[in-house]
Amino acid sequence: MLSRVYCASTIGVDARLIEVETNMSTGVPKYFLVGLPDRAVSESSDRIEAALKNSNAEFPKGRITVNLAPADLPKEGSAFDLPIAVTLLNVSGQIKTDKLEETLILGELALDGKLRPVNGVLPMAVQAREKGLANMVVPASNGPEAAVVDGIDVYAFEHLTEVMGWLRDMDSYQPLNVDVKKMFRRNGEGEILDFSDVRGQENVKRALEVAAAGGHNVIMVGPPGSGKTMMARRLPTILPPLTLDEALETTKIHSVAGLLPTGEALVTQRPFRSPHHTVSDVALVGGGSIPMPGEISMAHNGVLFLDELPEFKRSALEVMRQPLEDGSVSISRARMSVSYPSRIMLVASMNPSPTGDWYDPADPGGASPSQMQRYLSKISGPMLDRIDLHIEVQKVSYDELSSKAKGEPSNEIRKRVIRAREIQTQRFMGIDDVYCNAQMNTKMSRKICVLDDASKQMLKKAITSLGLSARAYDRILKVSRTIADLERSEKIRSNHIAEAIQYRSLDREGWLG
């Protein structure tokens, strides 16, 4: 007898359907599992046998062959336990149903028959719907995640006995439903971080507003205790809310990586990732023998914060250059090649010198100009080229720290950011992979960021007199376009150019802070 059911396996942030075929024939009892299974899949027979016996079912006796097709695709993970168990029950006559071939089944089995959650359920549900499958059976903890996908009935169970009951009488069970709109209505609720907590630093908060409005990468340079990390952690509170498409993209990555909280259906808030400076190249951009997403992909549609940027390994920073430019990470291995999205806002911070403070001629024991230059030189020119805004952060005065007056709340700043992003959405409608000003290429920026004569003269004077590098030109155009959008100005004016120029301090020759 032959039984067939569908499971799925993830490849990057996408999934591929796997046919689980089980054949039982007479002969000496033997169990064969073929189709390039990894160690976790190969060990499934022992888990399945114990789970069946503890669920008042029998592991069939006979010559059993389980094939995972396509046979040339490596299979890894524990999601194959439940589909294999179901096909064994079907070929041995313990259940009878003609619905298996239109059902996707996945789940790990505990020895007592309980269903344990697995990773990558959302992309699997999307693939099942695209292939026209009608039903999907998942562990209870994965239910909300799978039910986000319309067009397929999702059934979530706690135990193998419940799955057997559903297979015997499907009409007595109702598919799981989730309220996606309700999830998004909760977006932002319970946030404890707010820009109103930041004392002083009005110029830095303005620069971060510009960065959020245009999706620009930013670096803050200032002494310890000046509030760089505090402000960076509050940046997601002024970014526009995730759209449904962005939430699905982000959730796919977190699901594949196994970082989606148990019982959660969607990531509805923009991610904020802050890896330690000892992070490895692979942990930062992704990889491994079985390619997995790294920090830059986990921050997709959100913020990647690199605190004390010069302390990161130079090799780790250099491998970020291509993902920052392309918005995706391509990882190639002998058996497969995968791509993970990495469209992020990079926010970095650093001290101006190894001693932690600016150069002060009156302080002979302080940092020297040469020390500051050497410290900055730890960051390569091509890396700085991908950072649009350079912000100098000064220490907060006692009067500002002791003031009881609160700063502008995040909600008010976010409203202005959203209005600016709406202008950009209209501007880039119909253009693939461009959603904000920071993503414009050189040709687009020259076409869209048209300057009047006064602005051209100001930019020319800045490049010649301040020693700004050639790479700063396009960055200034993009940032000035964002500043104009914040003011709802169709044209870029000289005051917009002037503000954008002051955000390029690290490009100046002989920079001393």
Protein backbone atom coordinates (compact mmCIF):
# COMPACT_ATOMS: atom_id res chain seq x y z
CA MET A 1 0.00 0.00 0.00
CA LEU A 2 1.10 3.57 -0.71
CA SER A 3 0.27 6.77 1.14
CA ARG A 4 1.28 10.31 0.23
CA VAL A 5 1.11 13.63 2.08
CA TYR A 6 2.81 17.00 1.70
CA CYS A 7 5.32 18.58 4.07
CA ALA A 8 7.64 21.51 3.33
CA SER A 9 11.22 22.63 3.80
CA THR A 10 12.57 26.18 3.86
CA ILE A 11 15.24 27.47 1.48
CA GLY A 12 16.21 30.95 2.54
CA VAL A 13 12.98 32.81 3.34
CA ASP A 14 11.00 30.73 0.85
CA ALA A 15 9.68 27.20 1.13
CA ARG A 16 9.48 24.17 -1.14
CA LEU A 17 6.89 21.43 -0.93
CA ILE A 18 8.17 17.97 -0.06
CA GLU A 19 6.17 14.84 -0.85
CA VAL A 20 6.29 12.28 1.95
CA GLU A 21 5.62 8.91 0.29
CA THR A 22 5.29 5.78 2.41
CA ASN A 23 5.03 2.30 0.95
CA MET A 24 4.39 -0.85 2.99
CA SER A 25 4.83 -4.36 1.62
CA THR A 26 5.09 -7.85 3.02
CA GLY A 27 8.46 -9.23 4.01
CA VAL A 28 10.93 -9.06 6.83
CA PRO A 29 10.07 -5.99 8.96
CA LYS A 30 12.42 -3.23 7.96
CA TYR A 31 12.26 0.58 7.93
CA PHE A 32 13.96 2.60 5.20
CA LEU A 33 14.08 6.41 5.07
CA VAL A 34 15.46 7.85 1.82
CA GLY A 35 15.67 11.28 0.17
CA LEU A 36 18.78 12.96 1.65
CA PRO A 37 17.55 13.25 5.26
CA ASP A 38 19.79 14.92 7.85
CA ARG A 39 20.46 13.50 11.33
CA ALA A 40 17.28 14.96 12.84
CA VAL A 41 15.12 13.44 10.09
CA SER A 42 16.92 10.08 10.19
CA GLU A 43 16.26 9.77 13.94
CA SER A 44 12.53 10.41 13.46
CA SER A 45 11.58 6.70 13.41
CA ASP A 46 12.30 6.25 17.11
CA ARG A 47 10.27 9.33 18.04
CA ILE A 48 7.42 8.29 15.78
CA GLU A 49 7.27 4.73 17.15
CA ALA A 50 7.10 5.93 20.77
CA ALA A 51 4.55 8.65 19.92
CA LEU A 52 2.26 6.17 18.11
CA LYS A 53 2.33 3.68 20.97
CA ASN A 54 1.57 6.45 23.50
CA SER A 55 -1.35 7.61 21.34
CA ASN A 56 -3.12 4.22 21.29
CA ALA A 57 -1.86 3.44 17.80
CA GLU A 58 0.58 0.88 16.40
CA PHE A 59 3.80 1.25 14.47
CA PRO A 60 3.09 -0.95 11.41
CA LYS A 61 4.95 -4.20 10.92
CA GLY A 62 6.29 -4.90 7.46
CA ARG A 63 8.78 -3.68 4.90
CA ILE A 64 8.33 0.10 5.04
CA THR A 65 9.98 2.61 2.72
CA VAL A 66 9.58 6.34 3.34
CA ASN A 67 10.70 8.59 0.50
CA LEU A 68 11.10 12.36 0.81
CA ALA A 69 10.78 13.78 -2.69
CA PRO A 70 12.42 15.43 -4.55
CA ALA A 71 15.18 13.03 -3.57
CA ASP A 72 18.06 15.34 -4.53
CA LEU A 73 17.05 18.15 -2.15
CA PRO A 74 18.63 17.97 1.34
CA LYS A 75 16.00 17.62 4.11
CA GLU A 76 16.71 18.98 7.57
CA GLY A 77 14.76 19.63 10.74
CA SER A 78 12.10 17.84 12.74
CA ALA A 79 9.00 19.00 10.84
CA PHE A 80 8.80 15.62 9.04
CA ASP A 81 7.85 13.64 12.17
CA LEU A 82 4.09 14.21 11.97
CA PRO A 83 3.64 13.73 8.19
CA ILE A 84 5.60 10.47 8.31
CA ALA A 85 3.49 9.28 11.26
CA VAL A 86 0.27 10.12 9.39
CA THR A 87 1.33 8.19 6.27
CA LEU A 88 2.25 5.19 8.47
CA LEU A 89 -1.22 5.27 10.03
CA ASN A 90 -2.79 5.48 6.59
CA VAL A 91 -0.87 2.62 4.93
CA SER A 92 -1.55 0.36 7.92
CA GLY A 93 -5.29 1.07 7.76
CA GLN A 94 -5.51 2.73 11.19
CA ILE A 95 -7.01 5.80 9.52
CA LYS A 96 -8.77 6.05 6.17
CA THR A 97 -9.07 9.34 4.30
CA ASP A 98 -8.79 10.62 0.76
CA LYS A 99 -7.86 14.15 1.85
CA LEU A 100 -4.14 13.63 2.50
CA GLU A 101 -2.98 14.64 -0.96
CA GLU A 102 -4.56 18.10 -0.57
CA THR A 103 -3.13 18.66 2.92
CA LEU A 104 0.19 20.06 4.16
CA ILE A 105 1.19 18.47 7.48
CA LEU A 106 4.18 19.39 9.64
CA GLY A 107 5.25 19.11 13.25
CA GLU A 108 7.75 17.52 15.61
CA LEU A 109 6.57 14.64 17.80
CA ALA A 110 7.40 14.25 21.46
CA LEU A 111 7.63 10.67 22.77
CA ASP A 112 4.23 11.02 24.45
CA GLY A 113 2.57 12.16 21.20
CA LYS A 114 2.50 15.89 21.88
CA LEU A 115 3.23 18.21 18.95
CA ARG A 116 6.18 20.55 19.27
CA PRO A 117 6.54 23.74 17.19
CA VAL A 118 8.84 23.97 14.19
CA ASN A 119 10.53 26.86 12.36
CA GLY A 120 9.58 28.45 9.04
CA VAL A 121 5.82 27.85 9.19
CA LEU A 122 4.80 31.15 7.53
CA PRO A 123 6.74 30.64 4.26
CA MET A 124 5.48 27.03 4.23
CA ALA A 125 1.87 28.23 4.49
CA VAL A 126 2.43 30.72 1.67
CA GLN A 127 3.88 27.96 -0.54
CA ALA A 128 1.00 25.59 0.28
CA ARG A 129 -1.53 28.21 -0.76
CA GLU A 130 0.34 28.95 -4.00
CA LYS A 131 0.35 25.21 -4.84
CA GLY A 132 -3.41 25.02 -4.34
CA LEU A 133 -3.51 22.86 -1.20
CA ALA A 134 -6.74 23.14 0.78
CA ASN A 135 -5.66 22.26 4.34
CA MET A 136 -2.71 22.67 6.65
CA VAL A 137 -2.09 20.82 9.93
CA VAL A 138 0.41 22.36 12.37
CA PRO A 139 1.28 22.24 16.09
CA ALA A 140 -0.88 24.51 18.23
CA SER A 141 1.99 26.94 18.90
CA ASN A 142 2.45 27.48 15.15
CA GLY A 143 -1.26 27.90 14.47
CA PRO A 144 -1.57 31.72 14.59
CA GLU A 145 1.49 32.13 12.37
CA ALA A 146 0.09 29.84 9.66
CA ALA A 147 -3.45 31.27 9.93
CA VAL A 148 -2.21 34.71 8.84
CA VAL A 149 -2.17 33.38 5.26
CA ASP A 150 -5.54 33.64 3.52
CA GLY A 151 -6.85 30.96 1.17
CA ILE A 152 -5.93 27.84 3.15
CA ASP A 153 -7.68 26.21 6.13
CA VAL A 154 -5.31 25.87 9.09
CA TYR A 155 -5.91 23.29 11.83
CA ALA A 156 -3.75 23.53 14.94
CA PHE A 157 -3.46 20.61 17.37
CA GLU A 158 -1.74 19.85 20.66
CA HIS A 159 -1.46 16.05 20.34
CA LEU A 160 -1.21 13.29 17.76
CA THR A 161 -4.55 11.84 18.95
CA GLU A 162 -6.25 15.12 17.91
CA VAL A 163 -4.72 14.84 14.44
CA MET A 164 -6.00 11.26 14.17
CA GLY A 165 -9.46 12.42 15.24
CA TRP A 166 -9.45 15.16 12.59
CA LEU A 167 -8.38 12.72 9.87
CA ARG A 168 -11.23 10.37 10.80
CA ASP A 169 -13.86 13.13 10.91
CA MET A 170 -12.69 16.40 9.38
CA ASP A 171 -16.12 18.04 9.45
CA SER A 172 -16.21 18.08 13.24
CA TYR A 173 -13.27 20.53 13.47
CA GLN A 174 -13.18 24.24 12.61
CA PRO A 175 -10.16 25.92 11.01
CA LEU A 176 -8.25 28.48 13.02
CA ASN A 177 -8.90 32.19 12.37
CA VAL A 178 -6.80 35.18 13.44
CA ASP A 179 -7.60 38.90 13.31
CA VAL A 180 -4.69 40.47 11.44
CA LYS A 181 -6.17 43.98 11.72
CA LYS A 182 -6.31 43.62 15.49
CA MET A 183 -2.61 42.70 15.55
CA PHE A 184 -1.74 45.89 13.68
CA ARG A 185 -3.97 47.97 15.92
CA ARG A 186 -1.75 46.84 18.79
CA ASN A 187 1.32 48.11 16.93
CA GLY A 188 3.13 50.56 19.18
CA GLU A 189 1.11 49.75 22.29
CA GLY A 190 3.14 49.23 25.42
CA GLU A 191 6.25 50.99 24.12
CA ILE A 192 8.25 52.34 27.04
CA LEU A 193 10.91 54.09 24.96
CA ASP A 194 10.13 57.62 23.81
CA PHE A 195 12.10 60.60 22.54
CA SER A 196 10.45 62.75 25.22
CA ASP A 197 12.88 61.10 27.67
CA VAL A 198 15.89 62.63 25.89
CA ARG A 199 17.14 65.83 27.47
CA GLY A 200 18.73 68.38 25.14
CA GLN A 201 20.40 67.12 21.93
CA GLU A 202 17.87 68.93 19.73
CA ASN A 203 20.25 68.94 16.76
CA VAL A 204 20.76 65.17 17.03
CA LYS A 205 17.04 64.50 17.31
CA ARG A 206 16.48 66.62 14.21
CA ALA A 207 19.11 64.64 12.30
CA LEU A 208 17.53 61.33 13.36
CA GLU A 209 14.15 62.63 12.19
CA VAL A 210 15.69 63.37 8.78
CA ALA A 211 17.27 59.90 8.73
CA ALA A 212 13.94 58.23 9.59
CA ALA A 213 12.05 60.27 6.99
CA GLY A 214 14.36 59.24 4.15
CA GLY A 215 15.53 55.82 5.34
CA HIS A 216 19.12 57.11 5.55
CA ASN A 217 22.00 55.37 7.30
CA VAL A 218 23.47 57.45 10.11
CA ILE A 219 26.52 57.55 12.39
CA MET A 220 26.72 59.47 15.68
CA VAL A 221 30.11 60.60 16.95
CA GLY A 222 30.39 61.78 20.53
CA PRO A 223 31.88 61.10 23.97
CA PRO A 224 30.55 58.39 26.32
CA GLY A 225 27.38 59.34 28.20
CA SER A 226 26.19 61.86 25.61
CA GLY A 227 23.08 59.79 24.80
CA LYS A 228 24.02 58.09 21.51
CA THR A 229 22.72 54.64 22.47
CA MET A 230 19.67 56.11 24.21
CA MET A 231 18.59 57.95 21.06
CA ALA A 232 19.40 55.03 18.75
CA ARG A 233 17.13 52.71 20.75
CA ARG A 234 14.29 55.21 20.37
CA LEU A 235 14.65 55.49 16.59
CA PRO A 236 12.12 52.70 15.79
CA THR A 237 9.45 54.69 17.68
CA ILE A 238 9.52 57.41 15.00
CA LEU A 239 9.68 55.12 11.96
CA PRO A 240 6.46 54.54 9.99
CA PRO A 241 4.43 51.47 11.06
CA LEU A 242 5.04 48.26 9.13
CA THR A 243 2.74 47.57 6.20
CA LEU A 244 1.23 44.08 5.90
CA ASP A 245 3.68 43.13 3.14
CA GLU A 246 6.63 44.33 5.24
CA ALA A 247 5.29 42.46 8.28
CA LEU A 248 5.02 39.23 6.28
CA GLU A 249 8.56 39.65 4.91
CA THR A 250 9.95 40.31 8.38
CA THR A 251 8.00 37.46 9.97
CA LYS A 252 9.31 35.00 7.38
CA ILE A 253 12.89 35.75 8.37
CA HIS A 254 12.21 35.53 12.11
CA SER A 255 10.24 32.31 11.58
CA VAL A 256 13.01 30.63 9.58
CA ALA A 257 15.56 31.68 12.22
CA GLY A 258 13.36 30.30 15.01
CA LEU A 259 13.12 33.69 16.75
CA LEU A 260 9.37 34.23 16.42
CA PRO A 261 7.89 34.19 19.96
CA THR A 262 5.74 31.13 20.69
CA GLY A 263 2.12 31.74 19.72
CA GLU A 264 2.91 34.98 17.87
CA ALA A 265 1.49 35.29 14.37
CA LEU A 266 3.21 38.37 12.96
CA VAL A 267 6.07 40.75 13.64
CA THR A 268 4.12 44.02 13.71
CA GLN A 269 6.84 46.33 15.04
CA ARG A 270 9.99 47.30 13.23
CA PRO A 271 12.95 45.18 14.39
CA PHE A 272 15.84 46.68 16.34
CA ARG A 273 19.00 44.57 16.39
CA SER A 274 22.11 45.52 18.33
CA PRO A 275 24.89 42.90 18.00
CA HIS A 276 27.99 43.09 20.21
CA HIS A 277 31.19 44.29 18.57
CA THR A 278 32.68 40.77 18.91
CA VAL A 279 30.11 39.42 16.41
CA SER A 280 31.57 37.20 13.67
CA ASP A 281 31.24 37.80 9.94
CA VAL A 282 28.78 34.91 9.56
CA ALA A 283 26.65 36.00 12.52
CA LEU A 284 26.41 39.50 11.08
CA VAL A 285 25.51 38.77 7.46
CA GLY A 286 24.39 35.12 7.64
CA GLY A 287 25.80 31.81 6.51
CA GLY A 288 26.82 28.47 7.96
CA SER A 289 26.83 24.99 6.42
CA ILE A 290 23.05 25.28 6.30
CA PRO A 291 22.70 29.00 5.41
CA MET A 292 20.78 30.94 8.05
CA PRO A 293 19.97 34.67 8.24
CA GLY A 294 22.37 36.96 10.10
CA GLU A 295 21.81 40.13 12.12
CA ILE A 296 21.56 42.31 9.01
CA SER A 297 18.64 40.20 7.75
CA MET A 298 17.03 39.92 11.18
CA ALA A 299 16.88 43.75 11.11
CA HIS A 300 15.14 43.77 7.70
CA ASN A 301 12.60 46.64 7.54
CA GLY A 302 14.01 47.94 10.82
CA VAL A 303 17.17 49.23 12.47
CA LEU A 304 20.60 47.61 12.80
CA PHE A 305 22.52 49.43 15.53
CA LEU A 306 26.29 49.01 15.68
CA ASP A 307 27.54 50.58 18.90
CA GLU A 308 31.24 51.56 18.97
CA LEU A 309 31.66 50.96 15.25
CA PRO A 310 35.50 51.08 15.14
CA GLU A 311 35.65 48.19 17.62
CA PHE A 312 33.95 45.80 15.17
CA LYS A 313 36.26 43.57 13.17
CA ARG A 314 37.11 45.24 9.89
CA SER A 315 36.27 42.06 7.97
CA ALA A 316 32.78 41.98 9.53
CA LEU A 317 32.12 45.56 8.47
CA GLU A 318 33.45 44.99 4.96
CA VAL A 319 31.13 42.03 4.27
CA MET A 320 28.22 44.37 5.02
CA ARG A 321 29.01 46.62 2.09
CA GLN A 322 27.25 44.57 -0.59
CA PRO A 323 24.08 43.89 1.50
CA LEU A 324 23.79 47.61 2.35
CA GLU A 325 24.01 48.50 -1.33
CA ASP A 326 21.77 45.74 -2.75
CA GLY A 327 19.26 45.30 0.09
CA SER A 328 19.82 41.54 0.14
CA VAL A 329 22.42 38.94 1.18
CA SER A 330 23.37 36.15 -1.22
CA ILE A 331 24.94 33.08 0.40
CA SER A 332 26.33 30.34 -1.83
CA ARG A 333 27.26 26.85 -0.71
CA ALA A 334 28.18 23.70 -2.62
CA ARG A 335 24.65 22.28 -2.40
CA MET A 336 22.56 25.44 -2.52
CA SER A 337 22.45 29.19 -2.90
CA VAL A 338 20.00 31.29 -0.87
CA SER A 339 19.17 34.97 -0.61
CA TYR A 340 17.94 36.82 2.46
CA PRO A 341 16.54 40.38 2.31
CA SER A 342 18.47 43.05 4.23
CA ARG A 343 16.78 46.39 3.58
CA ILE A 344 17.73 48.17 6.80
CA MET A 345 18.53 51.50 8.39
CA LEU A 346 22.09 51.26 9.64
CA VAL A 347 22.64 53.33 12.78
CA ALA A 348 26.19 53.42 14.14
CA SER A 349 27.87 55.22 17.00
CA MET A 350 31.46 55.81 17.99
CA ASN A 351 33.64 57.81 20.34
CA PRO A 352 35.69 60.53 18.63
CA SER A 353 38.95 59.05 19.92
CA PRO A 354 40.35 56.08 21.88
CA THR A 355 40.23 58.19 25.05
CA GLY A 356 36.53 58.83 24.44
CA ASP A 357 36.59 62.61 24.06
CA TRP A 358 37.17 65.34 21.50
CA TYR A 359 40.51 67.03 20.90
CA ASP A 360 40.98 69.88 23.38
CA PRO A 361 44.08 72.10 23.03
CA ALA A 362 43.75 73.05 26.69
CA ASP A 363 43.97 69.42 27.82
CA PRO A 364 47.51 68.04 27.27
CA GLY A 365 46.45 64.58 28.48
CA GLY A 366 43.49 64.36 26.12
CA ALA A 367 43.13 63.02 22.61
CA SER A 368 45.42 64.36 19.90
CA PRO A 369 44.29 65.09 16.32
CA SER A 370 46.41 62.20 15.03
CA GLN A 371 44.76 59.80 17.51
CA MET A 372 41.33 60.89 16.31
CA GLN A 373 42.31 60.38 12.67
CA ARG A 374 43.77 56.93 13.36
CA TYR A 375 40.64 55.92 15.28
CA LEU A 376 38.37 57.05 12.46
CA SER A 377 40.56 55.29 9.89
CA LYS A 378 39.49 51.95 11.39
CA ILE A 379 36.33 52.47 9.33
CA SER A 380 37.02 52.15 5.61
CA GLY A 381 36.11 54.84 3.11
CA PRO A 382 33.68 52.56 1.20
CA MET A 383 31.89 51.81 4.48
CA LEU A 384 31.55 55.51 5.33
CA ASP A 385 30.37 56.02 1.75
CA ARG A 386 27.23 54.07 2.62
CA ILE A 387 26.39 56.28 5.62
CA ASP A 388 24.44 59.39 4.64
CA LEU A 389 24.38 61.39 7.87
CA HIS A 390 27.34 62.07 10.17
CA ILE A 391 26.19 63.61 13.46
CA GLU A 392 28.45 65.20 16.05
CA VAL A 393 27.07 64.63 19.55
CA GLN A 394 28.17 66.88 22.40
CA LYS A 395 27.86 66.29 26.13
CA VAL A 396 24.58 67.34 27.72
CA SER A 397 24.82 70.31 30.07
CA TYR A 398 23.74 70.18 33.71
CA ASP A 399 20.90 72.63 33.07
CA GLU A 400 19.48 70.39 30.34
CA LEU A 401 19.83 67.25 32.46
CA SER A 402 18.14 68.82 35.49
CA SER A 403 15.34 70.42 33.51
CA LYS A 404 11.86 69.07 34.20
CA ALA A 405 10.63 70.02 30.74
CA LYS A 406 10.09 67.00 28.52
CA GLY A 407 11.17 66.88 24.91
CA GLU A 408 8.91 66.35 21.92
CA PRO A 409 7.26 62.89 22.11
CA SER A 410 7.92 60.21 19.50
CA ASN A 411 4.32 60.29 18.26
CA GLU A 412 4.63 63.89 17.07
CA ILE A 413 7.94 63.23 15.31
CA ARG A 414 6.51 60.07 13.74
CA LYS A 415 3.61 62.01 12.20
CA ARG A 416 6.04 64.23 10.29
CA VAL A 417 8.09 61.21 9.23
CA ILE A 418 4.99 59.42 7.92
CA ARG A 419 3.94 62.51 5.90
CA ALA A 420 7.41 62.67 4.33
CA ARG A 421 7.33 58.93 3.53
CA GLU A 422 3.92 59.32 1.87
CA ILE A 423 5.42 61.91 -0.49
CA GLN A 424 8.21 59.47 -1.34
CA THR A 425 5.75 56.62 -1.88
CA GLN A 426 3.99 58.70 -4.53
CA ARG A 427 7.32 59.73 -6.06
CA PHE A 428 8.63 56.18 -6.47
CA MET A 429 5.36 54.47 -7.38
CA GLY A 430 5.97 51.89 -10.09
CA ILE A 431 9.74 51.74 -9.48
CA ASP A 432 10.90 48.37 -8.15
CA ASP A 433 12.92 48.18 -4.94
CA VAL A 434 12.87 51.94 -4.31
CA TYR A 435 10.66 53.04 -1.43
CA CYS A 436 12.47 56.03 0.07
CA ASN A 437 15.03 58.66 -0.87
CA ALA A 438 18.01 56.73 0.51
CA GLN A 439 17.42 53.93 -2.02
CA MET A 440 17.79 56.15 -5.09
CA ASN A 441 20.70 55.34 -7.37
CA THR A 442 22.98 58.02 -8.80
CA LYS A 443 20.98 58.48 -12.00
CA MET A 444 17.69 58.85 -10.10
CA SER A 445 19.14 61.28 -7.57
CA ARG A 446 20.49 63.55 -10.33
CA LYS A 447 17.10 63.49 -12.06
CA ILE A 448 14.87 63.96 -9.01
CA CYS A 449 17.07 66.25 -6.88
CA VAL A 450 17.12 69.31 -9.14
CA LEU A 451 18.92 72.34 -7.67
CA ASP A 452 18.43 76.03 -8.35
CA ASP A 453 21.41 78.32 -8.98
CA ALA A 454 21.75 79.39 -5.34
CA SER A 455 21.80 75.76 -4.18
CA LYS A 456 24.37 74.81 -6.83
CA GLN A 457 26.67 77.61 -5.75
CA MET A 458 26.37 76.66 -2.09
CA LEU A 459 27.14 73.00 -2.81
CA LYS A 460 30.10 73.95 -5.01
CA LYS A 461 31.50 76.19 -2.29
CA ALA A 462 31.08 73.44 0.33
CA ILE A 463 32.93 70.86 -1.74
CA THR A 464 35.83 73.22 -2.47
CA SER A 465 36.21 75.13 0.80
CA LEU A 466 35.31 72.44 3.34
CA GLY A 467 37.21 69.71 1.55
CA LEU A 468 34.18 67.47 1.17
CA SER A 469 34.90 64.30 -0.79
CA ALA A 470 33.36 63.52 -4.16
CA ARG A 471 31.35 60.68 -2.65
CA ALA A 472 29.53 63.20 -0.45
CA TYR A 473 27.85 64.85 -3.45
CA ASP A 474 25.10 62.29 -4.07
CA ARG A 475 24.53 61.81 -0.35
CA ILE A 476 23.96 65.52 0.13
CA LEU A 477 21.45 65.55 -2.75
CA LYS A 478 19.45 62.67 -1.24
CA VAL A 479 19.45 64.11 2.28
CA SER A 480 18.45 67.57 1.03
CA ARG A 481 15.55 65.97 -0.86
CA THR A 482 14.38 64.37 2.40
CA ILE A 483 14.65 67.68 4.27
CA ALA A 484 12.54 69.29 1.56
CA ASP A 485 9.98 66.48 1.89
CA LEU A 486 9.73 67.10 5.64
CA GLU A 487 8.88 70.72 4.84
CA ARG A 488 6.54 69.62 2.04
CA SER A 489 8.58 71.60 -0.45
CA GLU A 490 8.52 70.51 -4.08
CA LYS A 491 11.87 72.18 -4.74
CA ILE A 492 15.17 71.79 -2.97
CA ARG A 493 16.20 75.16 -1.62
CA SER A 494 19.54 76.49 -0.41
CA ASN A 495 18.59 76.08 3.27
CA HIS A 496 17.91 72.37 2.63
CA ILE A 497 21.34 72.02 1.00
CA ALA A 498 22.96 73.89 3.91
CA GLU A 499 21.47 71.53 6.47
CA ALA A 500 22.47 68.46 4.44
CA ILE A 501 26.06 69.73 4.16
CA GLN A 502 26.47 69.92 7.92
CA TYR A 503 25.71 66.19 8.14
CA ARG A 504 28.92 65.29 6.21
CA SER A 505 31.51 66.14 8.87
CA LEU A 506 33.48 62.89 8.53
CA ASP A 507 34.19 63.66 4.87
CA ARG A 508 36.08 66.84 5.67
CA GLU A 509 39.81 66.83 5.14
CA GLY A 510 41.70 67.05 8.42
CA TRP A 511 38.58 66.28 10.45
CA LEU A 512 39.11 66.99 14.13
CA GLY A 513 35.50 66.91 15.34
